C-alpha cells in the first residue's frame, strides 16, 4: 500500500482531516496510535502518514507543542494587540512572549488599529517596544480597517504554520479574513462597557492560505497564563537578552541580588530593557510563590 504525507488541519470526534497537496482527506488513527488515555496521540498541526484507506499509521516527531489549545509544529506565534480599544497591555504581551519562548515558537508582534491613534501616540508605542529589536522579534503596525500592512504579513508567513494569539477585541478574526479570501470567521465587536472583546472563535483549525501555509486562531491565548516554568534556570533561559558578554561573579547567579552581575550591569547601561528586567523580577516572585515552594 502506498502512503500519503500531510498535515492535520482539524480533529472532530475521532476523525482527523489531513491536508496534502491541495486536497483534504478524512482519516482515523490505526492500531497502537489509538490510545484512549492519550489526548495528544495525534493533534492539529501534526505531520502524519496515512494509507489509501484513510488510516493514519505514523505521526512524525514534533518541533513543538502547546497545550492550550492543543496544537503542534507552529513556526510563528503572532502576538496581536490593538494600539487602542482595547488599550495595549504590555504585561500580557510579555507573558505571551514568555510562552512563545517556553514552547520553542518564534514570536512576532502585530499592533492593529493604528488608524485610530495620532502619530505621536504611534511613536510612543514604538519607543516602548524598542527592546524587540535586540530580541530579533519582528514588529508590524497594521490597520485591518484600512488594509494597511496586511500584504507584508502575507509575505512574512508564506509557507509557514502561524498561530495568532492575543486578547479578544484586537482584530484577530479581521486579519485572518484579510489573509485568506475564503475565510469567513465571525468578527466580534469590542464591548464598549467592559473594554474587552467578545469571544468569536470556537475551535482549533488550521486554515489554508492561498499563497501556501496555514494560520490558526488560538482562542486559548485570550486568557493566557504564565507557562509552567520548572525552575529559575529555565526562567532565565526564556530571556534571551540575558545572554550578555562575560560572566557573572558567581556561576549560579540568578541576576537578582548578587554582586558583580553582568545582567544587572547591562540593565544599568540600558543595554537590556529595564521594563523587561522588571518583568523578569515579577515572574521570579510569582513562580517562587506559586510553583517553586
C-alpha atoms as a PDB file:
ATOM      1  CA  UNK A   1       0.000   0.000   0.000  1.00  0.00           C
ATOM      2  CA  UNK A   2       1.272   3.496  -0.836  1.00  0.00           C
ATOM      3  CA  UNK A   3       1.225   6.164   1.867  1.00  0.00           C
ATOM      4  CA  UNK A   4       0.411   9.873   1.736  1.00  0.00           C
ATOM      5  CA  UNK A   5       2.058  12.543   3.886  1.00  0.00           C
ATOM      6  CA  UNK A   6       0.083  15.535   5.117  1.00  0.00           C
ATOM      7  CA  UNK A   7      -0.717  17.891   7.996  1.00  0.00           C
ATOM      8  CA  UNK A   8      -3.672  17.514  10.347  1.00  0.00           C
ATOM      9  CA  UNK A   9      -5.818  20.625   9.947  1.00  0.00           C
ATOM     10  CA  UNK A  10      -8.653  19.760  12.333  1.00  0.00           C
ATOM     11  CA  UNK A  11      -9.976  16.975  14.546  1.00  0.00           C
ATOM     12  CA  UNK A  12     -13.690  16.273  15.038  1.00  0.00           C
ATOM     13  CA  UNK A  13     -14.990  13.406  17.200  1.00  0.00           C
ATOM     14  CA  UNK A  14     -12.256  10.917  16.362  1.00  0.00           C
ATOM     15  CA  UNK A  15     -11.880  11.940  12.714  1.00  0.00           C
ATOM     16  CA  UNK A  16      -8.735  13.696  11.515  1.00  0.00           C
ATOM     17  CA  UNK A  17      -8.830  15.926   8.462  1.00  0.00           C
ATOM     18  CA  UNK A  18      -5.455  15.897   6.744  1.00  0.00           C
ATOM     19  CA  UNK A  19      -4.311  18.339   4.038  1.00  0.00           C
ATOM     20  CA  UNK A  20      -1.936  17.079   1.355  1.00  0.00           C
ATOM     21  CA  UNK A  21      -1.126  18.734  -1.984  1.00  0.00           C
ATOM     22  CA  UNK A  22      -4.269  20.801  -2.137  1.00  0.00           C
ATOM     23  CA  UNK A  23      -6.651  18.040  -1.049  1.00  0.00           C
ATOM     24  CA  UNK A  24      -8.188  17.194   2.337  1.00  0.00           C
ATOM     25  CA  UNK A  25      -8.654  13.592   3.480  1.00  0.00           C
ATOM     26  CA  UNK A  26     -10.845  12.241   6.271  1.00  0.00           C
ATOM     27  CA  UNK A  27      -8.745   9.854   8.357  1.00  0.00           C
ATOM     28  CA  UNK A  28      -8.755   7.837  11.574  1.00  0.00           C
ATOM     29  CA  UNK A  29      -5.962   6.535  13.782  1.00  0.00           C
ATOM     30  CA  UNK A  30      -4.827   2.948  13.402  1.00  0.00           C
ATOM     31  CA  UNK A  31      -3.704   0.396  15.980  1.00  0.00           C
ATOM     32  CA  UNK A  32      -1.194   1.440  18.591  1.00  0.00           C
ATOM     33  CA  UNK A  33      -1.678   5.150  17.801  1.00  0.00           C
ATOM     34  CA  UNK A  34      -5.271   4.959  19.024  1.00  0.00           C
ATOM     35  CA  UNK A  35      -4.681   5.063  22.780  1.00  0.00           C
ATOM     36  CA  UNK A  36      -7.707   6.219  24.708  1.00  0.00           C
ATOM     37  CA  UNK A  37      -5.602   7.501  27.617  1.00  0.00           C
ATOM     38  CA  UNK A  38      -3.663   9.952  25.442  1.00  0.00           C
ATOM     39  CA  UNK A  39      -5.291  13.138  24.181  1.00  0.00           C
ATOM     40  CA  UNK A  40      -2.101  14.026  22.289  1.00  0.00           C
ATOM     41  CA  UNK A  41      -1.845  10.837  20.186  1.00  0.00           C
ATOM     42  CA  UNK A  42      -2.467  12.924  17.100  1.00  0.00           C
ATOM     43  CA  UNK A  43      -3.306  16.618  17.181  1.00  0.00           C
ATOM     44  CA  UNK A  44      -3.844  19.596  14.911  1.00  0.00           C
ATOM     45  CA  UNK A  45      -0.560  20.552  13.243  1.00  0.00           C
ATOM     46  CA  UNK A  46       0.901  17.033  13.293  1.00  0.00           C
ATOM     47  CA  UNK A  47       2.681  15.769  10.182  1.00  0.00           C
ATOM     48  CA  UNK A  48       1.242  12.301   9.547  1.00  0.00           C
ATOM     49  CA  UNK A  49       1.297   9.441   7.058  1.00  0.00           C
ATOM     50  CA  UNK A  50      -1.857   7.592   6.059  1.00  0.00           C
ATOM     51  CA  UNK A  51      -2.902   4.934   3.575  1.00  0.00           C
ATOM     52  CA  UNK A  52      -5.500   4.850   0.818  1.00  0.00           C
ATOM     53  CA  UNK A  53      -7.980   3.521   3.376  1.00  0.00           C
ATOM     54  CA  UNK A  54      -7.620   6.724   5.426  1.00  0.00           C
ATOM     55  CA  UNK A  55      -5.856   5.040   8.333  1.00  0.00           C
ATOM     56  CA  UNK A  56      -3.103   7.143   9.929  1.00  0.00           C
ATOM     57  CA  UNK A  57      -0.127   4.876  10.522  1.00  0.00           C
ATOM     58  CA  UNK A  58       2.589   7.330  11.599  1.00  0.00           C
ATOM     59  CA  UNK A  59       2.895  10.673  13.388  1.00  0.00           C
ATOM     60  CA  UNK A  60       6.185  12.472  12.762  1.00  0.00           C
ATOM     61  CA  UNK A  61       8.287  13.968  15.557  1.00  0.00           C
ATOM     62  CA  UNK A  62       7.092  17.425  16.588  1.00  0.00           C
ATOM     63  CA  UNK A  63       9.199  20.573  16.647  1.00  0.00           C
ATOM     64  CA  UNK A  64       6.963  21.981  19.389  1.00  0.00           C
ATOM     65  CA  UNK A  65       3.570  21.537  21.018  1.00  0.00           C
ATOM     66  CA  UNK A  66       1.328  23.796  23.055  1.00  0.00           C
ATOM     67  CA  UNK A  67      -1.417  22.509  25.311  1.00  0.00           C
ATOM     68  CA  UNK A  68      -3.944  25.320  25.208  1.00  0.00           C
ATOM     69  CA  UNK A  69      -5.110  24.933  22.528  1.00  0.00           C
ATOM     70  CA  UNK A  70      -3.559  21.536  21.730  1.00  0.00           C
ATOM     71  CA  UNK A  71      -1.586  22.081  18.516  1.00  0.00           C
ATOM     72  CA  UNK A  72       1.866  21.166  17.187  1.00  0.00           C
ATOM     73  CA  UNK A  73       4.600  22.321  14.802  1.00  0.00           C
ATOM     74  CA  UNK A  74       3.920  26.059  14.895  1.00  0.00           C
ATOM     75  CA  UNK A  75       6.518  28.199  13.113  1.00  0.00           C
ATOM     76  CA  UNK A  76       5.377  31.634  14.301  1.00  0.00           C
ATOM     77  CA  UNK A  77       3.252  32.928  17.153  1.00  0.00           C
ATOM     78  CA  UNK A  78       1.828  36.265  16.043  1.00  0.00           C
ATOM     79  CA  UNK A  79       1.155  38.169  19.250  1.00  0.00           C
ATOM     80  CA  UNK A  80      -1.516  40.646  18.264  1.00  0.00           C
ATOM     81  CA  UNK A  81      -2.669  43.668  20.216  1.00  0.00           C
ATOM     82  CA  UNK A  82      -4.556  46.830  19.377  1.00  0.00           C
ATOM     83  CA  UNK A  83      -2.992  50.270  19.660  1.00  0.00           C
ATOM     84  CA  UNK A  84      -6.240  51.331  21.337  1.00  0.00           C
ATOM     85  CA  UNK A  85      -9.694  49.862  22.136  1.00  0.00           C
ATOM     86  CA  UNK A  86      -8.687  47.782  24.000  1.00  0.00           C
ATOM     87  CA  UNK A  87      -5.615  49.543  25.336  1.00  0.00           C
ATOM     88  CA  UNK A  88      -2.294  47.850  24.646  1.00  0.00           C
ATOM     89  CA  UNK A  89      -1.426  45.602  27.596  1.00  0.00           C
ATOM     90  CA  UNK A  90       2.377  45.437  27.751  1.00  0.00           C
ATOM     91  CA  UNK A  91       2.371  42.960  30.647  1.00  0.00           C
ATOM     92  CA  UNK A  92       0.255  40.474  28.710  1.00  0.00           C
ATOM     93  CA  UNK A  93       2.459  40.969  25.657  1.00  0.00           C
ATOM     94  CA  UNK A  94       5.474  39.954  27.722  1.00  0.00           C
ATOM     95  CA  UNK A  95       3.603  36.933  29.088  1.00  0.00           C
ATOM     96  CA  UNK A  96       2.771  35.820  25.545  1.00  0.00           C
ATOM     97  CA  UNK A  97       6.414  36.231  24.552  1.00  0.00           C
ATOM     98  CA  UNK A  98       7.383  34.141  27.567  1.00  0.00           C
ATOM     99  CA  UNK A  99       5.028  31.413  26.353  1.00  0.00           C
ATOM    100  CA  UNK A 100       6.425  31.570  22.822  1.00  0.00           C
ATOM    101  CA  UNK A 101       9.973  31.048  24.106  1.00  0.00           C
ATOM    102  CA  UNK A 102       8.856  28.321  26.506  1.00  0.00           C
ATOM    103  CA  UNK A 103       7.190  26.339  23.710  1.00  0.00           C
ATOM    104  CA  UNK A 104      10.020  26.975  21.225  1.00  0.00           C
ATOM    105  CA  UNK A 105       7.980  29.134  18.830  1.00  0.00           C
ATOM    106  CA  UNK A 106       9.311  32.298  17.190  1.00  0.00           C
ATOM    107  CA  UNK A 107       7.282  35.295  18.436  1.00  0.00           C
ATOM    108  CA  UNK A 108       6.132  38.067  16.101  1.00  0.00           C
ATOM    109  CA  UNK A 109       4.357  41.198  17.363  1.00  0.00           C
ATOM    110  CA  UNK A 110       1.490  42.854  15.465  1.00  0.00           C
ATOM    111  CA  UNK A 111      -0.180  46.086  16.583  1.00  0.00           C
ATOM    112  CA  UNK A 112      -3.570  46.691  14.944  1.00  0.00           C
ATOM    113  CA  UNK A 113      -5.822  49.784  14.779  1.00  0.00           C
ATOM    114  CA  UNK A 114      -3.009  52.245  14.083  1.00  0.00           C
ATOM    115  CA  UNK A 115      -5.562  54.286  12.133  1.00  0.00           C
ATOM    116  CA  UNK A 116      -7.189  55.211  15.453  1.00  0.00           C
ATOM    117  CA  UNK A 117      -4.156  56.874  17.048  1.00  0.00           C
ATOM    118  CA  UNK A 118      -2.109  60.004  16.385  1.00  0.00           C
ATOM    119  CA  UNK A 119       1.459  59.975  15.012  1.00  0.00           C
ATOM    120  CA  UNK A 120       2.663  60.978  18.482  1.00  0.00           C
ATOM    121  CA  UNK A 121       0.865  58.058  20.103  1.00  0.00           C
ATOM    122  CA  UNK A 122       2.335  55.698  17.494  1.00  0.00           C
ATOM    123  CA  UNK A 123       5.845  56.947  18.263  1.00  0.00           C
ATOM    124  CA  UNK A 124       5.228  56.365  21.966  1.00  0.00           C
ATOM    125  CA  UNK A 125       4.287  52.722  21.287  1.00  0.00           C
ATOM    126  CA  UNK A 126       7.334  52.256  19.066  1.00  0.00           C
ATOM    127  CA  UNK A 127       9.556  53.598  21.830  1.00  0.00           C
ATOM    128  CA  UNK A 128       8.072  51.219  24.409  1.00  0.00           C
ATOM    129  CA  UNK A 129       8.606  48.282  22.029  1.00  0.00           C
ATOM    130  CA  UNK A 130      12.138  49.273  21.043  1.00  0.00           C
ATOM    131  CA  UNK A 131      13.515  46.322  23.037  1.00  0.00           C
ATOM    132  CA  UNK A 132      12.061  43.900  20.463  1.00  0.00           C
ATOM    133  CA  UNK A 133      14.913  44.744  18.072  1.00  0.00           C
ATOM    134  CA  UNK A 134      17.510  43.341  20.471  1.00  0.00           C
ATOM    135  CA  UNK A 135      15.474  40.135  20.672  1.00  0.00           C
ATOM    136  CA  UNK A 136      15.228  39.835  16.872  1.00  0.00           C
ATOM    137  CA  UNK A 137      11.426  39.948  17.109  1.00  0.00           C
ATOM    138  CA  UNK A 138       9.736  41.407  14.042  1.00  0.00           C
ATOM    139  CA  UNK A 139       7.153  44.125  14.651  1.00  0.00           C
ATOM    140  CA  UNK A 140       4.267  45.047  12.347  1.00  0.00           C
ATOM    141  CA  UNK A 141       1.910  48.020  12.603  1.00  0.00           C
ATOM    142  CA  UNK A 142      -1.333  47.418  10.751  1.00  0.00           C
ATOM    143  CA  UNK A 143      -4.914  48.514  10.260  1.00  0.00           C
ATOM    144  CA  UNK A 144      -7.384  45.814   9.287  1.00  0.00           C
ATOM    145  CA  UNK A 145      -9.995  48.551   8.738  1.00  0.00           C
ATOM    146  CA  UNK A 146      -7.859  50.366   6.139  1.00  0.00           C
ATOM    147  CA  UNK A 147      -5.961  47.243   4.967  1.00  0.00           C
ATOM    148  CA  UNK A 148      -2.609  48.711   5.983  1.00  0.00           C
ATOM    149  CA  UNK A 149       0.360  46.349   6.368  1.00  0.00           C
ATOM    150  CA  UNK A 150      -1.558  43.157   5.538  1.00  0.00           C
ATOM    151  CA  UNK A 151       0.452  42.323   2.403  1.00  0.00           C
ATOM    152  CA  UNK A 152       3.698  42.457   4.402  1.00  0.00           C
ATOM    153  CA  UNK A 153       2.326  39.921   6.856  1.00  0.00           C
ATOM    154  CA  UNK A 154       1.101  37.704   3.985  1.00  0.00           C
ATOM    155  CA  UNK A 155       4.630  37.561   2.584  1.00  0.00           C
ATOM    156  CA  UNK A 156       6.146  37.010   6.024  1.00  0.00           C
ATOM    157  CA  UNK A 157       4.051  33.941   6.924  1.00  0.00           C
ATOM    158  CA  UNK A 158       4.043  32.325   3.466  1.00  0.00           C
ATOM    159  CA  UNK A 159       4.535  28.529   3.639  1.00  0.00           C
ATOM    160  CA  UNK A 160       4.584  28.575   7.463  1.00  0.00           C
ATOM    161  CA  UNK A 161       2.198  27.415  10.173  1.00  0.00           C
ATOM    162  CA  UNK A 162       1.326  30.577  12.066  1.00  0.00           C
ATOM    163  CA  UNK A 163      -0.687  30.889  15.255  1.00  0.00           C
ATOM    164  CA  UNK A 164      -2.442  34.111  16.156  1.00  0.00           C
ATOM    165  CA  UNK A 165      -2.798  34.919  19.842  1.00  0.00           C
ATOM    166  CA  UNK A 166      -3.736  37.877  21.943  1.00  0.00           C
ATOM    167  CA  UNK A 167      -6.673  39.268  23.882  1.00  0.00           C
ATOM    168  CA  UNK A 168     -10.162  39.403  22.419  1.00  0.00           C
ATOM    169  CA  UNK A 169     -11.221  42.515  20.565  1.00  0.00           C
ATOM    170  CA  UNK A 170      -7.885  43.280  18.881  1.00  0.00           C
ATOM    171  CA  UNK A 171      -8.974  42.202  15.388  1.00  0.00           C
ATOM    172  CA  UNK A 172      -7.588  38.663  15.071  1.00  0.00           C
ATOM    173  CA  UNK A 173     -10.615  37.423  13.115  1.00  0.00           C
ATOM    174  CA  UNK A 174     -10.466  40.509  10.889  1.00  0.00           C
ATOM    175  CA  UNK A 175      -6.822  39.945   9.969  1.00  0.00           C
ATOM    176  CA  UNK A 176      -7.418  36.246   9.324  1.00  0.00           C
ATOM    177  CA  UNK A 177     -10.243  37.151   6.951  1.00  0.00           C
ATOM    178  CA  UNK A 178      -7.904  39.508   5.078  1.00  0.00           C
ATOM    179  CA  UNK A 179      -5.115  36.925   4.904  1.00  0.00           C
ATOM    180  CA  UNK A 180      -7.327  34.347   3.205  1.00  0.00           C
ATOM    181  CA  UNK A 181     -10.164  35.334   0.882  1.00  0.00           C
ATOM    182  CA  UNK A 182     -12.154  32.169   1.557  1.00  0.00           C
ATOM    183  CA  UNK A 183     -12.165  32.524   5.344  1.00  0.00           C
ATOM    184  CA  UNK A 184     -15.395  33.592   6.935  1.00  0.00           C
ATOM    185  CA  UNK A 185     -14.650  33.832  10.637  1.00  0.00           C
ATOM    186  CA  UNK A 186     -17.188  35.559  12.812  1.00  0.00           C
ATOM    187  CA  UNK A 187     -15.910  39.017  13.711  1.00  0.00           C
ATOM    188  CA  UNK A 188     -16.838  40.379  17.125  1.00  0.00           C
ATOM    189  CA  UNK A 189     -17.063  43.981  18.234  1.00  0.00           C
ATOM    190  CA  UNK A 190     -15.318  45.262  21.309  1.00  0.00           C
ATOM    191  CA  UNK A 191     -17.611  45.650  24.275  1.00  0.00           C
ATOM    192  CA  UNK A 192     -17.688  49.387  24.955  1.00  0.00           C
ATOM    193  CA  UNK A 193     -18.831  48.816  28.524  1.00  0.00           C
ATOM    194  CA  UNK A 194     -16.188  46.271  29.527  1.00  0.00           C
ATOM    195  CA  UNK A 195     -13.474  47.436  27.104  1.00  0.00           C
ATOM    196  CA  UNK A 196     -12.686  43.863  26.188  1.00  0.00           C
ATOM    197  CA  UNK A 197     -13.617  41.721  23.245  1.00  0.00           C
ATOM    198  CA  UNK A 198     -16.290  39.099  22.900  1.00  0.00           C
ATOM    199  CA  UNK A 199     -15.014  35.617  22.068  1.00  0.00           C
ATOM    200  CA  UNK A 200     -15.749  34.692  18.467  1.00  0.00           C
ATOM    201  CA  UNK A 201     -13.501  31.736  17.594  1.00  0.00           C
ATOM    202  CA  UNK A 202     -14.841  28.378  18.773  1.00  0.00           C
ATOM    203  CA  UNK A 203     -12.415  25.687  17.625  1.00  0.00           C
ATOM    204  CA  UNK A 204      -8.842  24.766  16.739  1.00  0.00           C
ATOM    205  CA  UNK A 205      -8.378  24.528  12.978  1.00  0.00           C
ATOM    206  CA  UNK A 206      -5.534  25.151  10.554  1.00  0.00           C
ATOM    207  CA  UNK A 207      -6.821  27.458   7.846  1.00  0.00           C
ATOM    208  CA  UNK A 208      -5.030  27.210   4.467  1.00  0.00           C
ATOM    209  CA  UNK A 209      -3.521  30.318   2.884  1.00  0.00           C
ATOM    210  CA  UNK A 210      -3.778  30.979  -0.832  1.00  0.00           C
ATOM    211  CA  UNK A 211      -0.010  31.509  -1.168  1.00  0.00           C
ATOM    212  CA  UNK A 212       0.942  28.482   0.953  1.00  0.00           C
ATOM    213  CA  UNK A 213       0.990  27.622   4.615  1.00  0.00           C
ATOM    214  CA  UNK A 214      -1.646  27.709   7.323  1.00  0.00           C
ATOM    215  CA  UNK A 215      -2.868  30.028  10.024  1.00  0.00           C
ATOM    216  CA  UNK A 216      -4.548  29.119  13.279  1.00  0.00           C
ATOM    217  CA  UNK A 217      -6.556  31.313  15.582  1.00  0.00           C
ATOM    218  CA  UNK A 218      -5.796  30.377  19.186  1.00  0.00           C
ATOM    219  CA  UNK A 219      -8.725  31.315  21.444  1.00  0.00           C
ATOM    220  CA  UNK A 220      -6.966  29.931  24.500  1.00  0.00           C
ATOM    221  CA  UNK A 221      -4.446  32.762  24.364  1.00  0.00           C
ATOM    222  CA  UNK A 222      -7.115  35.369  25.137  1.00  0.00           C
ATOM    223  CA  UNK A 223      -6.772  34.476  28.829  1.00  0.00           C
ATOM    224  CA  UNK A 224      -3.144  33.406  28.744  1.00  0.00           C
ATOM    225  CA  UNK A 225      -1.294  32.414  31.901  1.00  0.00           C
ATOM    226  CA  UNK A 226       2.389  32.134  32.690  1.00  0.00           C
ATOM    227  CA  UNK A 227       3.883  28.908  31.291  1.00  0.00           C
ATOM    228  CA  UNK A 228       4.733  26.114  33.760  1.00  0.00           C
ATOM    229  CA  UNK A 229       8.392  27.040  34.187  1.00  0.00           C
ATOM    230  CA  UNK A 230      10.212  24.371  36.196  1.00  0.00           C
ATOM    231  CA  UNK A 231      12.916  26.391  37.957  1.00  0.00           C
ATOM    232  CA  UNK A 232      14.823  29.661  37.917  1.00  0.00           C
ATOM    233  CA  UNK A 233      17.444  28.459  35.412  1.00  0.00           C
ATOM    234  CA  UNK A 234      14.643  27.651  32.970  1.00  0.00           C
ATOM    235  CA  UNK A 235      13.099  31.075  33.558  1.00  0.00           C
ATOM    236  CA  UNK A 236      16.402  32.790  32.822  1.00  0.00           C
ATOM    237  CA  UNK A 237      16.665  30.836  29.559  1.00  0.00           C
ATOM    238  CA  UNK A 238      13.399  32.441  28.414  1.00  0.00           C
ATOM    239  CA  UNK A 239      15.048  35.880  28.452  1.00  0.00           C
ATOM    240  CA  UNK A 240      17.496  35.692  25.538  1.00  0.00           C
ATOM    241  CA  UNK A 241      18.726  39.248  26.165  1.00  0.00           C
ATOM    242  CA  UNK A 242      20.332  37.953  29.381  1.00  0.00           C
ATOM    243  CA  UNK A 243      22.992  36.210  27.290  1.00  0.00           C
ATOM    244  CA  UNK A 244      25.445  39.071  27.767  1.00  0.00           C
ATOM    245  CA  UNK A 245      29.175  39.203  27.140  1.00  0.00           C
ATOM    246  CA  UNK A 246      31.308  37.994  30.013  1.00  0.00           C
ATOM    247  CA  UNK A 247      30.399  36.004  33.102  1.00  0.00           C
ATOM    248  CA  UNK A 248      28.810  36.987  36.376  1.00  0.00           C
ATOM    249  CA  UNK A 249      30.965  36.769  39.508  1.00  0.00           C
ATOM    250  CA  UNK A 250      29.026  33.731  40.699  1.00  0.00           C
ATOM    251  CA  UNK A 251      28.400  30.765  38.415  1.00  0.00           C
ATOM    252  CA  UNK A 252      24.944  30.229  39.888  1.00  0.00           C
ATOM    253  CA  UNK A 253      23.942  33.909  39.632  1.00  0.00           C
ATOM    254  CA  UNK A 254      20.208  34.383  39.130  1.00  0.00           C
ATOM    255  CA  UNK A 255      20.608  38.106  38.320  1.00  0.00           C
ATOM    256  CA  UNK A 256      18.652  39.463  41.275  1.00  0.00           C
ATOM    257  CA  UNK A 257      20.639  40.231  44.467  1.00  0.00           C
ATOM    258  CA  UNK A 258      24.137  39.005  43.601  1.00  0.00           C
ATOM    259  CA  UNK A 259      27.058  41.476  43.304  1.00  0.00           C
ATOM    260  CA  UNK A 260      29.033  41.834  40.067  1.00  0.00           C
ATOM    261  CA  UNK A 261      26.116  40.567  37.988  1.00  0.00           C
ATOM    262  CA  UNK A 262      26.658  41.169  34.271  1.00  0.00           C
ATOM    263  CA  UNK A 263      22.925  41.246  33.562  1.00  0.00           C
ATOM    264  CA  UNK A 264      22.192  43.934  36.153  1.00  0.00           C
ATOM    265  CA  UNK A 265      25.147  45.929  34.874  1.00  0.00           C
ATOM    266  CA  UNK A 266      23.727  45.686  31.343  1.00  0.00           C
ATOM    267  CA  UNK A 267      20.395  46.969  32.637  1.00  0.00           C
ATOM    268  CA  UNK A 268      22.143  49.966  34.213  1.00  0.00           C
ATOM    269  CA  UNK A 269      23.865  50.697  30.889  1.00  0.00           C
ATOM    270  CA  UNK A 270      20.461  50.458  29.105  1.00  0.00           C
ATOM    271  CA  UNK A 271      21.747  47.523  27.069  1.00  0.00           C
ATOM    272  CA  UNK A 272      18.869  45.463  28.461  1.00  0.00           C
ATOM    273  CA  UNK A 273      15.407  46.977  28.740  1.00  0.00           C
ATOM    274  CA  UNK A 274      14.622  47.925  32.332  1.00  0.00           C
ATOM    275  CA  UNK A 275      10.965  47.113  31.691  1.00  0.00           C
ATOM    276  CA  UNK A 276      11.923  43.621  30.586  1.00  0.00           C
ATOM    277  CA  UNK A 277      14.194  43.134  33.596  1.00  0.00           C
ATOM    278  CA  UNK A 278      11.436  44.243  35.953  1.00  0.00           C
ATOM    279  CA  UNK A 279       9.091  41.813  34.209  1.00  0.00           C
ATOM    280  CA  UNK A 280      11.654  39.078  34.908  1.00  0.00           C
ATOM    281  CA  UNK A 281      11.646  40.035  38.603  1.00  0.00           C
ATOM    282  CA  UNK A 282       7.843  39.863  38.727  1.00  0.00           C
ATOM    283  CA  UNK A 283       7.933  36.441  37.074  1.00  0.00           C
ATOM    284  CA  UNK A 284      10.535  35.235  39.556  1.00  0.00           C
ATOM    285  CA  UNK A 285       8.441  36.326  42.542  1.00  0.00           C
ATOM    286  CA  UNK A 286       5.299  34.770  41.066  1.00  0.00           C
ATOM    287  CA  UNK A 287       6.946  31.419  40.372  1.00  0.00           C
ATOM    288  CA  UNK A 288       8.739  31.392  43.721  1.00  0.00           C
ATOM    289  CA  UNK A 289       5.422  31.960  45.485  1.00  0.00           C
ATOM    290  CA  UNK A 290       3.205  29.654  43.417  1.00  0.00           C
ATOM    291  CA  UNK A 291       5.375  26.883  41.923  1.00  0.00           C
ATOM    292  CA  UNK A 292       8.842  26.674  43.451  1.00  0.00           C
ATOM    293  CA  UNK A 293       7.979  26.196  47.125  1.00  0.00           C
END
